[in-house]
Amino acid sequence: MNWFKRLLGWGDAPATARQTLTDAIFDSGACPVCHNEASLLSGPEGGMSVNVMCEVCGTRLNLTSMLKRVEWTHGPQPDIWGGGSATMSPMQDDVELAKRTLEG
């Protein structure tokens, strides 16, 4: 498989945990840490990417929809964009698992 196919996630390989988690983020707006659907708030945009934050636990991610790519930026934060507060504090093991899965 060449580097371009690997970059775009194309190929014959079975779906990985990262691909499955990425699909859930893009398809239903599910937070990878607390798993609440449609909880991602859109934030600053730049180039092909947009920053998002979970309104439930405060996890922040950087999404590049053209490449269907997710990058970890921050774990759960107490303050939510727009002046709100996180309503859930996930277990540290869940945070670490999501981070390791996304970072591949």
Protein backbone atom coordinates (compact mmCIF):
# COMPACT_ATOMS: atom_id res chain seq x y z
CA MET A 1 0.00 0.00 0.00
CA ASN A 2 1.47 3.35 -0.92
CA TRP A 3 1.78 6.31 1.44
CA PHE A 4 -1.14 8.19 -0.14
CA LYS A 5 -3.57 5.33 0.43
CA ARG A 6 -2.29 4.93 3.98
CA LEU A 7 -2.73 8.68 4.63
CA LEU A 8 -6.34 8.56 3.46
CA GLY A 9 -7.08 5.30 5.24
CA TRP A 10 -7.80 3.43 1.99
CA GLY A 11 -6.85 -0.17 1.48
CA ASP A 12 -7.85 -3.74 2.09
CA ALA A 13 -6.95 -3.81 5.77
CA PRO A 14 -9.78 -4.50 8.26
CA ALA A 15 -11.16 -1.55 10.19
CA THR A 16 -9.00 -0.59 13.13
CA ALA A 17 -10.16 0.76 16.48
CA ARG A 18 -9.02 4.21 15.33
CA GLN A 19 -11.10 4.02 12.13
CA THR A 20 -14.14 2.85 14.07
CA LEU A 21 -13.78 5.68 16.60
CA THR A 22 -13.19 8.23 13.82
CA ASP A 23 -16.31 7.03 11.98
CA ALA A 24 -18.39 7.48 15.15
CA ILE A 25 -17.07 11.02 15.61
CA PHE A 26 -17.88 12.05 12.03
CA ASP A 27 -21.11 10.08 11.60
CA SER A 28 -22.93 10.92 14.82
CA GLY A 29 -20.86 13.64 16.48
CA ALA A 30 -20.06 11.22 19.31
CA CYS A 31 -17.43 12.20 21.84
CA PRO A 32 -14.64 9.58 21.96
CA VAL A 33 -14.31 9.90 25.74
CA CYS A 34 -17.85 10.08 27.17
CA HIS A 35 -19.57 8.59 24.07
CA ASN A 36 -22.46 11.08 24.10
CA GLU A 37 -23.82 11.53 20.59
CA ALA A 38 -24.31 14.95 19.02
CA SER A 39 -22.40 16.59 21.86
CA LEU A 40 -19.56 18.16 19.84
CA LEU A 41 -19.61 21.95 19.63
CA SER A 42 -17.94 23.57 16.63
CA GLY A 43 -15.19 26.05 17.42
CA PRO A 44 -12.39 27.87 15.59
CA GLU A 45 -11.72 26.83 12.00
CA GLY A 46 -8.55 27.09 9.97
CA GLY A 47 -7.71 25.67 6.55
CA MET A 48 -9.44 22.31 6.23
CA SER A 49 -9.75 21.76 9.99
CA VAL A 50 -12.20 22.69 12.71
CA ASN A 51 -11.76 22.49 16.47
CA VAL A 52 -14.58 20.84 18.37
CA MET A 53 -15.33 20.47 22.07
CA CYS A 54 -17.66 18.05 23.82
CA GLU A 55 -20.35 19.98 25.67
CA VAL A 56 -20.69 17.14 28.20
CA CYS A 57 -17.10 16.38 29.29
CA GLY A 58 -15.02 19.14 27.67
CA THR A 59 -12.77 16.96 25.49
CA ARG A 60 -11.27 18.96 22.62
CA LEU A 61 -10.41 17.58 19.18
CA ASN A 62 -9.25 18.89 15.82
CA LEU A 63 -11.23 17.45 12.87
CA THR A 64 -10.20 17.45 9.22
CA SER A 65 -13.27 16.21 7.39
CA MET A 66 -11.71 16.07 3.93
CA LEU A 67 -9.22 13.46 5.16
CA LYS A 68 -11.58 12.11 7.83
CA ARG A 69 -8.84 12.71 10.37
CA VAL A 70 -9.14 13.35 14.10
CA GLU A 71 -6.35 14.76 16.26
CA TRP A 72 -6.39 14.88 20.04
CA THR A 73 -5.85 18.38 21.44
CA HIS A 74 -6.95 18.32 25.10
CA GLY A 75 -8.55 15.90 27.48
CA PRO A 76 -11.64 16.84 29.46
CA GLN A 77 -11.78 20.50 30.50
CA PRO A 78 -14.00 22.01 33.22
CA ASP A 79 -15.04 25.06 31.16
CA ILE A 80 -17.00 24.70 27.93
CA TRP A 81 -16.92 27.22 25.07
CA GLY A 82 -19.69 29.77 25.46
CA GLY A 83 -19.41 29.96 29.25
CA GLY A 84 -20.81 26.57 30.22
CA SER A 85 -19.35 23.94 32.51
CA ALA A 86 -18.70 20.27 31.88
CA THR A 87 -21.44 18.09 33.38
CA MET A 88 -19.44 14.87 33.39
CA SER A 89 -15.94 13.99 34.49
CA PRO A 90 -14.87 10.77 32.73
CA MET A 91 -12.59 8.24 34.38
CA GLN A 92 -8.91 8.77 33.57
CA ASP A 93 -8.67 5.26 32.07
CA ASP A 94 -11.37 6.16 29.51
CA VAL A 95 -9.53 9.37 28.64
CA GLU A 96 -6.21 7.56 28.14
CA LEU A 97 -7.81 4.81 26.06
CA ALA A 98 -9.48 7.34 23.72
CA LYS A 99 -6.25 9.33 23.40
CA ARG A 100 -4.13 6.26 22.62
CA THR A 101 -6.69 5.02 20.09
CA LEU A 102 -6.86 8.36 18.26
CA GLU A 103 -3.10 8.84 18.25
CA GLY A 104 -2.74 5.35 16.77
